[in-house]
Amino acid sequence: MFLHVVMLQLSGAADARFHERVQGYCARIMAECDGVAAYAFRPNEASRSDGLSHAVVAGFADAAAHDRYQVSPAHQEMKAYMADFITRLVVFDGEIPTIP
């Protein structure tokens, strides 16, 4: 499985409307992007978050599915919408072992 994690520090402008719209993009990505095993935008519950209050956490069948997602219209629209609300982000991409 290929894991994609985007840790985000959001600006104060990220209100309830922002969160609702991002959830809509998540649903669209799950419906439209082939090879997406899991996709979620969630608050970070870690006490050591260093201000990274939210994350997009996604699992893909393989790296090729992740590559297709990166250029998909739903993902491109989500990134464009979220850009003005993000003050900092950190990304992890990589293969992880799956449990048989």
PDB file of N, CA and C in Angstrom:
ATOM      1  N   MET A   1       0.847  -1.170   0.000  1.00  0.00           N
ATOM      2  CA  MET A   1       0.000   0.000   0.000  1.00  0.00           C
ATOM      3  C   MET A   1       0.894   1.234   0.000  1.00  0.00           C
ATOM      4  N   PHE A   2       0.435   2.276  -0.689  1.00  0.00           N
ATOM      5  CA  PHE A   2       1.154   3.537  -0.734  1.00  0.00           C
ATOM      6  C   PHE A   2       0.420   4.535   0.149  1.00  0.00           C
ATOM      7  N   LEU A   3       1.139   5.124   1.100  1.00  0.00           N
ATOM      8  CA  LEU A   3       0.544   6.047   2.054  1.00  0.00           C
ATOM      9  C   LEU A   3       0.927   7.482   1.714  1.00  0.00           C
ATOM     10  N   HIS A   4      -0.062   8.372   1.787  1.00  0.00           N
ATOM     11  CA  HIS A   4       0.117   9.806   1.528  1.00  0.00           C
ATOM     12  C   HIS A   4      -0.472  10.544   2.721  1.00  0.00           C
ATOM     13  N   VAL A   5       0.381  11.266   3.470  1.00  0.00           N
ATOM     14  CA  VAL A   5      -0.070  12.008   4.643  1.00  0.00           C
ATOM     15  C   VAL A   5       0.366  13.460   4.477  1.00  0.00           C
ATOM     16  N   VAL A   6      -0.601  14.373   4.580  1.00  0.00           N
ATOM     17  CA  VAL A   6      -0.321  15.801   4.500  1.00  0.00           C
ATOM     18  C   VAL A   6      -0.760  16.427   5.818  1.00  0.00           C
ATOM     19  N   MET A   7       0.228  16.849   6.620  1.00  0.00           N
ATOM     20  CA  MET A   7      -0.051  17.507   7.892  1.00  0.00           C
ATOM     21  C   MET A   7      -0.174  19.002   7.640  1.00  0.00           C
ATOM     22  N   LEU A   8      -1.225  19.615   8.208  1.00  0.00           N
ATOM     23  CA  LEU A   8      -1.543  21.004   7.887  1.00  0.00           C
ATOM     24  C   LEU A   8      -1.672  21.886   9.122  1.00  0.00           C
ATOM     25  N   GLN A   9      -1.165  23.087   9.017  1.00  0.00           N
ATOM     26  CA  GLN A   9      -1.473  24.147   9.971  1.00  0.00           C
ATOM     27  C   GLN A   9      -2.385  25.099   9.205  1.00  0.00           C
ATOM     28  N   LEU A  10      -3.596  25.275   9.719  1.00  0.00           N
ATOM     29  CA  LEU A  10      -4.594  26.088   9.035  1.00  0.00           C
ATOM     30  C   LEU A  10      -4.671  27.483   9.633  1.00  0.00           C
ATOM     31  N   SER A  11      -5.059  28.441   8.810  1.00  0.00           N
ATOM     32  CA  SER A  11      -5.256  29.806   9.287  1.00  0.00           C
ATOM     33  C   SER A  11      -6.586  29.902  10.028  1.00  0.00           C
ATOM     34  N   GLY A  12      -6.783  30.996  10.722  1.00  0.00           N
ATOM     35  CA  GLY A  12      -8.034  31.226  11.433  1.00  0.00           C
ATOM     36  C   GLY A  12      -9.231  31.358  10.506  1.00  0.00           C
ATOM     37  N   ALA A  13      -8.988  31.555   9.221  1.00  0.00           N
ATOM     38  CA  ALA A  13     -10.084  31.675   8.250  1.00  0.00           C
ATOM     39  C   ALA A  13     -10.739  30.333   7.928  1.00  0.00           C
ATOM     40  N   ALA A  14     -10.147  29.234   8.377  1.00  0.00           N
ATOM     41  CA  ALA A  14     -10.685  27.891   8.099  1.00  0.00           C
ATOM     42  C   ALA A  14     -11.874  27.630   9.027  1.00  0.00           C
ATOM     43  N   ASP A  15     -13.029  28.102   8.610  1.00  0.00           N
ATOM     44  CA  ASP A  15     -14.244  28.007   9.413  1.00  0.00           C
ATOM     45  C   ASP A  15     -15.034  26.736   9.082  1.00  0.00           C
ATOM     46  N   ALA A  16     -16.232  26.627   9.619  1.00  0.00           N
ATOM     47  CA  ALA A  16     -17.071  25.440   9.395  1.00  0.00           C
ATOM     48  C   ALA A  16     -17.355  25.241   7.911  1.00  0.00           C
ATOM     49  N   ARG A  17     -17.549  26.311   7.180  1.00  0.00           N
ATOM     50  CA  ARG A  17     -17.802  26.199   5.726  1.00  0.00           C
ATOM     51  C   ARG A  17     -16.595  25.582   5.018  1.00  0.00           C
ATOM     52  N   PHE A  18     -15.389  25.995   5.413  1.00  0.00           N
ATOM     53  CA  PHE A  18     -14.164  25.416   4.856  1.00  0.00           C
ATOM     54  C   PHE A  18     -14.134  23.909   5.091  1.00  0.00           C
ATOM     55  N   HIS A  19     -14.350  23.501   6.336  1.00  0.00           N
ATOM     56  CA  HIS A  19     -14.285  22.075   6.682  1.00  0.00           C
ATOM     57  C   HIS A  19     -15.346  21.273   5.931  1.00  0.00           C
ATOM     58  N   GLU A  20     -16.520  21.819   5.795  1.00  0.00           N
ATOM     59  CA  GLU A  20     -17.586  21.133   5.062  1.00  0.00           C
ATOM     60  C   GLU A  20     -17.215  20.951   3.591  1.00  0.00           C
ATOM     61  N   ARG A  21     -16.653  21.987   3.003  1.00  0.00           N
ATOM     62  CA  ARG A  21     -16.278  21.894   1.586  1.00  0.00           C
ATOM     63  C   ARG A  21     -15.152  20.885   1.383  1.00  0.00           C
ATOM     64  N   VAL A  22     -14.172  20.866   2.298  1.00  0.00           N
ATOM     65  CA  VAL A  22     -13.076  19.902   2.187  1.00  0.00           C
ATOM     66  C   VAL A  22     -13.610  18.473   2.309  1.00  0.00           C
ATOM     67  N   GLN A  23     -14.566  18.247   3.193  1.00  0.00           N
ATOM     68  CA  GLN A  23     -15.174  16.911   3.308  1.00  0.00           C
ATOM     69  C   GLN A  23     -15.840  16.513   1.991  1.00  0.00           C
ATOM     70  N   GLY A  24     -16.446  17.472   1.310  1.00  0.00           N
ATOM     71  CA  GLY A  24     -17.034  17.201   0.002  1.00  0.00           C
ATOM     72  C   GLY A  24     -15.988  16.784  -1.013  1.00  0.00           C
ATOM     73  N   TYR A  25     -14.839  17.448  -0.995  1.00  0.00           N
ATOM     74  CA  TYR A  25     -13.744  17.047  -1.892  1.00  0.00           C
ATOM     75  C   TYR A  25     -13.279  15.631  -1.568  1.00  0.00           C
ATOM     76  N   CYS A  26     -13.208  15.297  -0.292  1.00  0.00           N
ATOM     77  CA  CYS A  26     -12.784  13.942   0.100  1.00  0.00           C
ATOM     78  C   CYS A  26     -13.732  12.899  -0.478  1.00  0.00           C
ATOM     79  N   ALA A  27     -15.022  13.149  -0.393  1.00  0.00           N
ATOM     80  CA  ALA A  27     -16.011  12.214  -0.944  1.00  0.00           C
ATOM     81  C   ALA A  27     -15.847  12.097  -2.455  1.00  0.00           C
ATOM     82  N   ARG A  28     -15.604  13.224  -3.104  1.00  0.00           N
ATOM     83  CA  ARG A  28     -15.395  13.215  -4.555  1.00  0.00           C
ATOM     84  C   ARG A  28     -14.173  12.401  -4.936  1.00  0.00           C
ATOM     85  N   ILE A  29     -13.094  12.569  -4.194  1.00  0.00           N
ATOM     86  CA  ILE A  29     -11.865  11.829  -4.492  1.00  0.00           C
ATOM     87  C   ILE A  29     -12.098  10.333  -4.337  1.00  0.00           C
ATOM     88  N   MET A  30     -12.776   9.938  -3.271  1.00  0.00           N
ATOM     89  CA  MET A  30     -13.084   8.514  -3.081  1.00  0.00           C
ATOM     90  C   MET A  30     -13.924   7.965  -4.242  1.00  0.00           C
ATOM     91  N   ALA A  31     -14.840   8.764  -4.758  1.00  0.00           N
ATOM     92  CA  ALA A  31     -15.729   8.316  -5.838  1.00  0.00           C
ATOM     93  C   ALA A  31     -15.063   8.342  -7.211  1.00  0.00           C
ATOM     94  N   GLU A  32     -14.171   9.291  -7.423  1.00  0.00           N
ATOM     95  CA  GLU A  32     -13.649   9.527  -8.776  1.00  0.00           C
ATOM     96  C   GLU A  32     -12.258   8.961  -9.046  1.00  0.00           C
ATOM     97  N   CYS A  33     -11.476   8.720  -8.021  1.00  0.00           N
ATOM     98  CA  CYS A  33     -10.077   8.334  -8.228  1.00  0.00           C
ATOM     99  C   CYS A  33      -9.889   6.830  -8.030  1.00  0.00           C
ATOM    100  N   ASP A  34      -9.518   6.163  -9.088  1.00  0.00           N
ATOM    101  CA  ASP A  34      -9.279   4.723  -9.058  1.00  0.00           C
ATOM    102  C   ASP A  34      -8.054   4.400  -8.210  1.00  0.00           C
ATOM    103  N   GLY A  35      -8.164   3.384  -7.378  1.00  0.00           N
ATOM    104  CA  GLY A  35      -7.031   2.933  -6.583  1.00  0.00           C
ATOM    105  C   GLY A  35      -6.915   3.574  -5.218  1.00  0.00           C
ATOM    106  N   VAL A  36      -7.902   4.395  -4.831  1.00  0.00           N
ATOM    107  CA  VAL A  36      -7.889   5.003  -3.497  1.00  0.00           C
ATOM    108  C   VAL A  36      -8.532   4.015  -2.533  1.00  0.00           C
ATOM    109  N   ALA A  37      -7.767   3.551  -1.552  1.00  0.00           N
ATOM    110  CA  ALA A  37      -8.272   2.588  -0.570  1.00  0.00           C
ATOM    111  C   ALA A  37      -8.918   3.289   0.617  1.00  0.00           C
ATOM    112  N   ALA A  38      -8.395   4.469   0.980  1.00  0.00           N
ATOM    113  CA  ALA A  38      -8.916   5.248   2.103  1.00  0.00           C
ATOM    114  C   ALA A  38      -8.504   6.695   1.898  1.00  0.00           C
ATOM    115  N   TYR A  39      -9.366   7.619   2.326  1.00  0.00           N
ATOM    116  CA  TYR A  39      -9.061   9.039   2.158  1.00  0.00           C
ATOM    117  C   TYR A  39      -9.840   9.820   3.198  1.00  0.00           C
ATOM    118  N   ALA A  40      -9.141  10.610   4.017  1.00  0.00           N
ATOM    119  CA  ALA A  40      -9.826  11.352   5.072  1.00  0.00           C
ATOM    120  C   ALA A  40      -9.093  12.641   5.396  1.00  0.00           C
ATOM    121  N   PHE A  41      -9.858  13.650   5.766  1.00  0.00           N
ATOM    122  CA  PHE A  41      -9.349  14.908   6.308  1.00  0.00           C
ATOM    123  C   PHE A  41      -9.813  14.945   7.754  1.00  0.00           C
ATOM    124  N   ARG A  42      -8.864  14.942   8.692  1.00  0.00           N
ATOM    125  CA  ARG A  42      -9.213  14.808  10.102  1.00  0.00           C
ATOM    126  C   ARG A  42      -8.377  15.748  10.970  1.00  0.00           C
ATOM    127  N   PRO A  43      -8.922  16.099  12.156  1.00  0.00           N
ATOM    128  CA  PRO A  43      -8.120  16.856  13.115  1.00  0.00           C
ATOM    129  C   PRO A  43      -7.003  15.981  13.679  1.00  0.00           C
ATOM    130  N   ASN A  44      -5.894  16.607  13.973  1.00  0.00           N
ATOM    131  CA  ASN A  44      -4.754  15.914  14.558  1.00  0.00           C
ATOM    132  C   ASN A  44      -4.945  15.881  16.069  1.00  0.00           C
ATOM    133  N   GLU A  45      -4.989  14.700  16.647  1.00  0.00           N
ATOM    134  CA  GLU A  45      -5.205  14.544  18.083  1.00  0.00           C
ATOM    135  C   GLU A  45      -3.905  14.427  18.869  1.00  0.00           C
ATOM    136  N   ALA A  46      -2.769  14.520  18.184  1.00  0.00           N
ATOM    137  CA  ALA A  46      -1.472  14.369  18.856  1.00  0.00           C
ATOM    138  C   ALA A  46      -1.161  15.562  19.749  1.00  0.00           C
ATOM    139  N   SER A  47      -0.649  15.296  20.935  1.00  0.00           N
ATOM    140  CA  SER A  47      -0.248  16.377  21.839  1.00  0.00           C
ATOM    141  C   SER A  47       1.040  17.049  21.362  1.00  0.00           C
ATOM    142  N   ARG A  48       1.765  16.407  20.457  1.00  0.00           N
ATOM    143  CA  ARG A  48       3.029  16.943  19.930  1.00  0.00           C
ATOM    144  C   ARG A  48       2.873  17.443  18.497  1.00  0.00           C
ATOM    145  N   SER A  49       1.715  18.002  18.168  1.00  0.00           N
ATOM    146  CA  SER A  49       1.395  18.366  16.784  1.00  0.00           C
ATOM    147  C   SER A  49       2.190  19.544  16.248  1.00  0.00           C
ATOM    148  N   ASP A  50       2.820  20.336  17.115  1.00  0.00           N
ATOM    149  CA  ASP A  50       3.608  21.493  16.696  1.00  0.00           C
ATOM    150  C   ASP A  50       2.797  22.430  15.793  1.00  0.00           C
ATOM    151  N   GLY A  51       1.509  22.572  16.104  1.00  0.00           N
ATOM    152  CA  GLY A  51       0.651  23.474  15.330  1.00  0.00           C
ATOM    153  C   GLY A  51       0.037  22.857  14.094  1.00  0.00           C
ATOM    154  N   LEU A  52       0.423  21.639  13.756  1.00  0.00           N
ATOM    155  CA  LEU A  52      -0.149  20.949  12.595  1.00  0.00           C
ATOM    156  C   LEU A  52      -1.471  20.328  13.042  1.00  0.00           C
ATOM    157  N   SER A  53      -2.524  21.089  12.909  1.00  0.00           N
ATOM    158  CA  SER A  53      -3.808  20.781  13.539  1.00  0.00           C
ATOM    159  C   SER A  53      -4.673  19.776  12.791  1.00  0.00           C
ATOM    160  N   HIS A  54      -4.395  19.558  11.512  1.00  0.00           N
ATOM    161  CA  HIS A  54      -5.219  18.665  10.683  1.00  0.00           C
ATOM    162  C   HIS A  54      -4.324  17.874   9.735  1.00  0.00           C
ATOM    163  N   ALA A  55      -4.898  16.823   9.172  1.00  0.00           N
ATOM    164  CA  ALA A  55      -4.159  16.028   8.189  1.00  0.00           C
ATOM    165  C   ALA A  55      -5.095  15.449   7.150  1.00  0.00           C
ATOM    166  N   VAL A  56      -4.572  15.319   5.956  1.00  0.00           N
ATOM    167  CA  VAL A  56      -5.181  14.488   4.927  1.00  0.00           C
ATOM    168  C   VAL A  56      -4.395  13.189   4.977  1.00  0.00           C
ATOM    169  N   VAL A  57      -5.096  12.086   5.200  1.00  0.00           N
ATOM    170  CA  VAL A  57      -4.461  10.775   5.282  1.00  0.00           C
ATOM    171  C   VAL A  57      -5.094   9.900   4.210  1.00  0.00           C
ATOM    172  N   ALA A  58      -4.245   9.360   3.336  1.00  0.00           N
ATOM    173  CA  ALA A  58      -4.768   8.588   2.215  1.00  0.00           C
ATOM    174  C   ALA A  58      -3.948   7.328   1.999  1.00  0.00           C
ATOM    175  N   GLY A  59      -4.644   6.266   1.652  1.00  0.00           N
ATOM    176  CA  GLY A  59      -4.002   5.016   1.284  1.00  0.00           C
ATOM    177  C   GLY A  59      -4.362   4.677  -0.149  1.00  0.00           C
ATOM    178  N   PHE A  60      -3.380   4.259  -0.914  1.00  0.00           N
ATOM    179  CA  PHE A  60      -3.576   3.932  -2.323  1.00  0.00           C
ATOM    180  C   PHE A  60      -3.120   2.507  -2.586  1.00  0.00           C
ATOM    181  N   ALA A  61      -3.699   1.886  -3.582  1.00  0.00           N
ATOM    182  CA  ALA A  61      -3.332   0.523  -3.936  1.00  0.00           C
ATOM    183  C   ALA A  61      -1.836   0.413  -4.233  1.00  0.00           C
ATOM    184  N   ASP A  62      -1.292   1.445  -4.867  1.00  0.00           N
ATOM    185  CA  ASP A  62       0.125   1.457  -5.230  1.00  0.00           C
ATOM    186  C   ASP A  62       0.535   2.883  -5.593  1.00  0.00           C
ATOM    187  N   ALA A  63       1.819   3.067  -5.881  1.00  0.00           N
ATOM    188  CA  ALA A  63       2.337   4.391  -6.216  1.00  0.00           C
ATOM    189  C   ALA A  63       1.696   4.944  -7.486  1.00  0.00           C
ATOM    190  N   ALA A  64       1.361   4.078  -8.436  1.00  0.00           N
ATOM    191  CA  ALA A  64       0.729   4.533  -9.675  1.00  0.00           C
ATOM    192  C   ALA A  64      -0.649   5.138  -9.402  1.00  0.00           C
ATOM    193  N   ALA A  65      -1.408   4.549  -8.472  1.00  0.00           N
ATOM    194  CA  ALA A  65      -2.711   5.105  -8.097  1.00  0.00           C
ATOM    195  C   ALA A  65      -2.536   6.478  -7.451  1.00  0.00           C
ATOM    196  N   HIS A  66      -1.504   6.624  -6.629  1.00  0.00           N
ATOM    197  CA  HIS A  66      -1.191   7.920  -6.024  1.00  0.00           C
ATOM    198  C   HIS A  66      -0.852   8.953  -7.103  1.00  0.00           C
ATOM    199  N   ASP A  67      -0.086   8.547  -8.095  1.00  0.00           N
ATOM    200  CA  ASP A  67       0.280   9.456  -9.185  1.00  0.00           C
ATOM    201  C   ASP A  67      -0.958   9.910  -9.966  1.00  0.00           C
ATOM    202  N   ARG A  68      -1.885   8.993 -10.205  1.00  0.00           N
ATOM    203  CA  ARG A  68      -3.125   9.364 -10.912  1.00  0.00           C
ATOM    204  C   ARG A  68      -3.948  10.341 -10.084  1.00  0.00           C
ATOM    205  N   TYR A  69      -4.026  10.105  -8.783  1.00  0.00           N
ATOM    206  CA  TYR A  69      -4.740  10.991  -7.867  1.00  0.00           C
ATOM    207  C   TYR A  69      -4.154  12.399  -7.902  1.00  0.00           C
ATOM    208  N   GLN A  70      -2.837  12.498  -7.913  1.00  0.00           N
ATOM    209  CA  GLN A  70      -2.180  13.807  -7.876  1.00  0.00           C
ATOM    210  C   GLN A  70      -2.638  14.723  -9.013  1.00  0.00           C
ATOM    211  N   VAL A  71      -2.915  14.176 -10.165  1.00  0.00           N
ATOM    212  CA  VAL A  71      -3.309  14.998 -11.323  1.00  0.00           C
ATOM    213  C   VAL A  71      -4.814  14.998 -11.572  1.00  0.00           C
ATOM    214  N   SER A  72      -5.577  14.324 -10.718  1.00  0.00           N
ATOM    215  CA  SER A  72      -7.026  14.256 -10.921  1.00  0.00           C
ATOM    216  C   SER A  72      -7.679  15.618 -10.722  1.00  0.00           C
ATOM    217  N   PRO A  73      -8.762  15.894 -11.445  1.00  0.00           N
ATOM    218  CA  PRO A  73      -9.463  17.167 -11.280  1.00  0.00           C
ATOM    219  C   PRO A  73      -9.923  17.414  -9.839  1.00  0.00           C
ATOM    220  N   ALA A  74     -10.429  16.393  -9.170  1.00  0.00           N
ATOM    221  CA  ALA A  74     -10.914  16.569  -7.800  1.00  0.00           C
ATOM    222  C   ALA A  74      -9.781  17.007  -6.871  1.00  0.00           C
ATOM    223  N   HIS A  75      -8.612  16.376  -6.990  1.00  0.00           N
ATOM    224  CA  HIS A  75      -7.479  16.744  -6.140  1.00  0.00           C
ATOM    225  C   HIS A  75      -6.954  18.135  -6.487  1.00  0.00           C
ATOM    226  N   GLN A  76      -6.855  18.442  -7.763  1.00  0.00           N
ATOM    227  CA  GLN A  76      -6.383  19.764  -8.166  1.00  0.00           C
ATOM    228  C   GLN A  76      -7.308  20.868  -7.656  1.00  0.00           C
ATOM    229  N   GLU A  77      -8.614  20.649  -7.726  1.00  0.00           N
ATOM    230  CA  GLU A  77      -9.579  21.630  -7.222  1.00  0.00           C
ATOM    231  C   GLU A  77      -9.483  21.761  -5.703  1.00  0.00           C
ATOM    232  N   MET A  78      -9.317  20.637  -5.015  1.00  0.00           N
ATOM    233  CA  MET A  78      -9.184  20.663  -3.557  1.00  0.00           C
ATOM    234  C   MET A  78      -7.948  21.461  -3.147  1.00  0.00           C
ATOM    235  N   LYS A  79      -6.815  21.202  -3.784  1.00  0.00           N
ATOM    236  CA  LYS A  79      -5.587  21.924  -3.466  1.00  0.00           C
ATOM    237  C   LYS A  79      -5.741  23.425  -3.703  1.00  0.00           C
ATOM    238  N   ALA A  80      -6.347  23.787  -4.821  1.00  0.00           N
ATOM    239  CA  ALA A  80      -6.532  25.208  -5.144  1.00  0.00           C
ATOM    240  C   ALA A  80      -7.420  25.884  -4.107  1.00  0.00           C
ATOM    241  N   TYR A  81      -8.485  25.202  -3.697  1.00  0.00           N
ATOM    242  CA  TYR A  81      -9.384  25.770  -2.697  1.00  0.00           C
ATOM    243  C   TYR A  81      -8.687  25.931  -1.343  1.00  0.00           C
ATOM    244  N   MET A  82      -7.961  24.927  -0.912  1.00  0.00           N
ATOM    245  CA  MET A  82      -7.352  24.922   0.413  1.00  0.00           C
ATOM    246  C   MET A  82      -6.138  25.839   0.540  1.00  0.00           C
ATOM    247  N   ALA A  83      -5.487  26.175  -0.558  1.00  0.00           N
ATOM    248  CA  ALA A  83      -4.211  26.900  -0.530  1.00  0.00           C
ATOM    249  C   ALA A  83      -4.247  28.162   0.323  1.00  0.00           C
ATOM    250  N   ASP A  84      -5.291  28.944   0.223  1.00  0.00           N
ATOM    251  CA  ASP A  84      -5.363  30.206   0.965  1.00  0.00           C
ATOM    252  C   ASP A  84      -5.597  30.014   2.460  1.00  0.00           C
ATOM    253  N   PHE A  85      -5.923  28.811   2.884  1.00  0.00           N
ATOM    254  CA  PHE A  85      -6.202  28.523   4.292  1.00  0.00           C
ATOM    255  C   PHE A  85      -5.038  27.829   4.999  1.00  0.00           C
ATOM    256  N   ILE A  86      -4.008  27.462   4.259  1.00  0.00           N
ATOM    257  CA  ILE A  86      -2.883  26.700   4.806  1.00  0.00           C
ATOM    258  C   ILE A  86      -1.715  27.631   5.091  1.00  0.00           C
ATOM    259  N   THR A  87      -1.231  27.600   6.328  1.00  0.00           N
ATOM    260  CA  THR A  87      -0.064  28.408   6.668  1.00  0.00           C
ATOM    261  C   THR A  87       1.223  27.578   6.674  1.00  0.00           C
ATOM    262  N   ARG A  88       1.079  26.259   6.820  1.00  0.00           N
ATOM    263  CA  ARG A  88       2.251  25.370   6.802  1.00  0.00           C
ATOM    264  C   ARG A  88       1.773  23.968   6.501  1.00  0.00           C
ATOM    265  N   LEU A  89       2.601  23.210   5.784  1.00  0.00           N
ATOM    266  CA  LEU A  89       2.279  21.798   5.558  1.00  0.00           C
ATOM    267  C   LEU A  89       3.536  20.969   5.469  1.00  0.00           C
ATOM    268  N   VAL A  90       3.375  19.697   5.814  1.00  0.00           N
ATOM    269  CA  VAL A  90       4.446  18.709   5.755  1.00  0.00           C
ATOM    270  C   VAL A  90       3.848  17.465   5.110  1.00  0.00           C
ATOM    271  N   VAL A  91       4.583  16.865   4.180  1.00  0.00           N
ATOM    272  CA  VAL A  91       4.065  15.716   3.434  1.00  0.00           C
ATOM    273  C   VAL A  91       4.938  14.491   3.652  1.00  0.00           C
ATOM    274  N   PHE A  92       4.278  13.341   3.810  1.00  0.00           N
ATOM    275  CA  PHE A  92       4.943  12.043   3.778  1.00  0.00           C
ATOM    276  C   PHE A  92       4.300  11.240   2.663  1.00  0.00           C
ATOM    277  N   ASP A  93       5.107  10.668   1.797  1.00  0.00           N
ATOM    278  CA  ASP A  93       4.677   9.723   0.764  1.00  0.00           C
ATOM    279  C   ASP A  93       5.586   8.519   0.848  1.00  0.00           C
ATOM    280  N   GLY A  94       5.010   7.312   0.838  1.00  0.00           N
ATOM    281  CA  GLY A  94       5.852   6.126   0.823  1.00  0.00           C
ATOM    282  C   GLY A  94       5.082   4.840   0.926  1.00  0.00           C
ATOM    283  N   GLU A  95       5.736   3.804   0.508  1.00  0.00           N
ATOM    284  CA  GLU A  95       5.177   2.456   0.603  1.00  0.00           C
ATOM    285  C   GLU A  95       5.187   2.006   2.060  1.00  0.00           C
ATOM    286  N   ILE A  96       4.121   1.340   2.464  1.00  0.00           N
ATOM    287  CA  ILE A  96       4.075   0.747   3.792  1.00  0.00           C
ATOM    288  C   ILE A  96       3.653  -0.712   3.651  1.00  0.00           C
ATOM    289  N   PRO A  97       4.147  -1.566   4.524  1.00  0.00           N
ATOM    290  CA  PRO A  97       3.754  -2.976   4.432  1.00  0.00           C
ATOM    291  C   PRO A  97       2.289  -3.154   4.848  1.00  0.00           C
ATOM    292  N   THR A  98       1.637  -4.110   4.254  1.00  0.00           N
ATOM    293  CA  THR A  98       0.266  -4.431   4.636  1.00  0.00           C
ATOM    294  C   THR A  98       0.269  -5.732   5.420  1.00  0.00           C
ATOM    295  N   ILE A  99      -0.694  -5.866   6.281  1.00  0.00           N
ATOM    296  CA  ILE A  99      -0.828  -7.076   7.100  1.00  0.00           C
ATOM    297  C   ILE A  99      -1.636  -8.085   6.298  1.00  0.00           C
ATOM    298  N   PRO A 100      -1.096  -9.298   6.120  1.00  0.00           N
ATOM    299  CA  PRO A 100      -1.826 -10.307   5.331  1.00  0.00           C
ATOM    300  C   PRO A 100      -3.125 -10.744   5.983  1.00  0.00           C
TER     301      PRO A 100
END
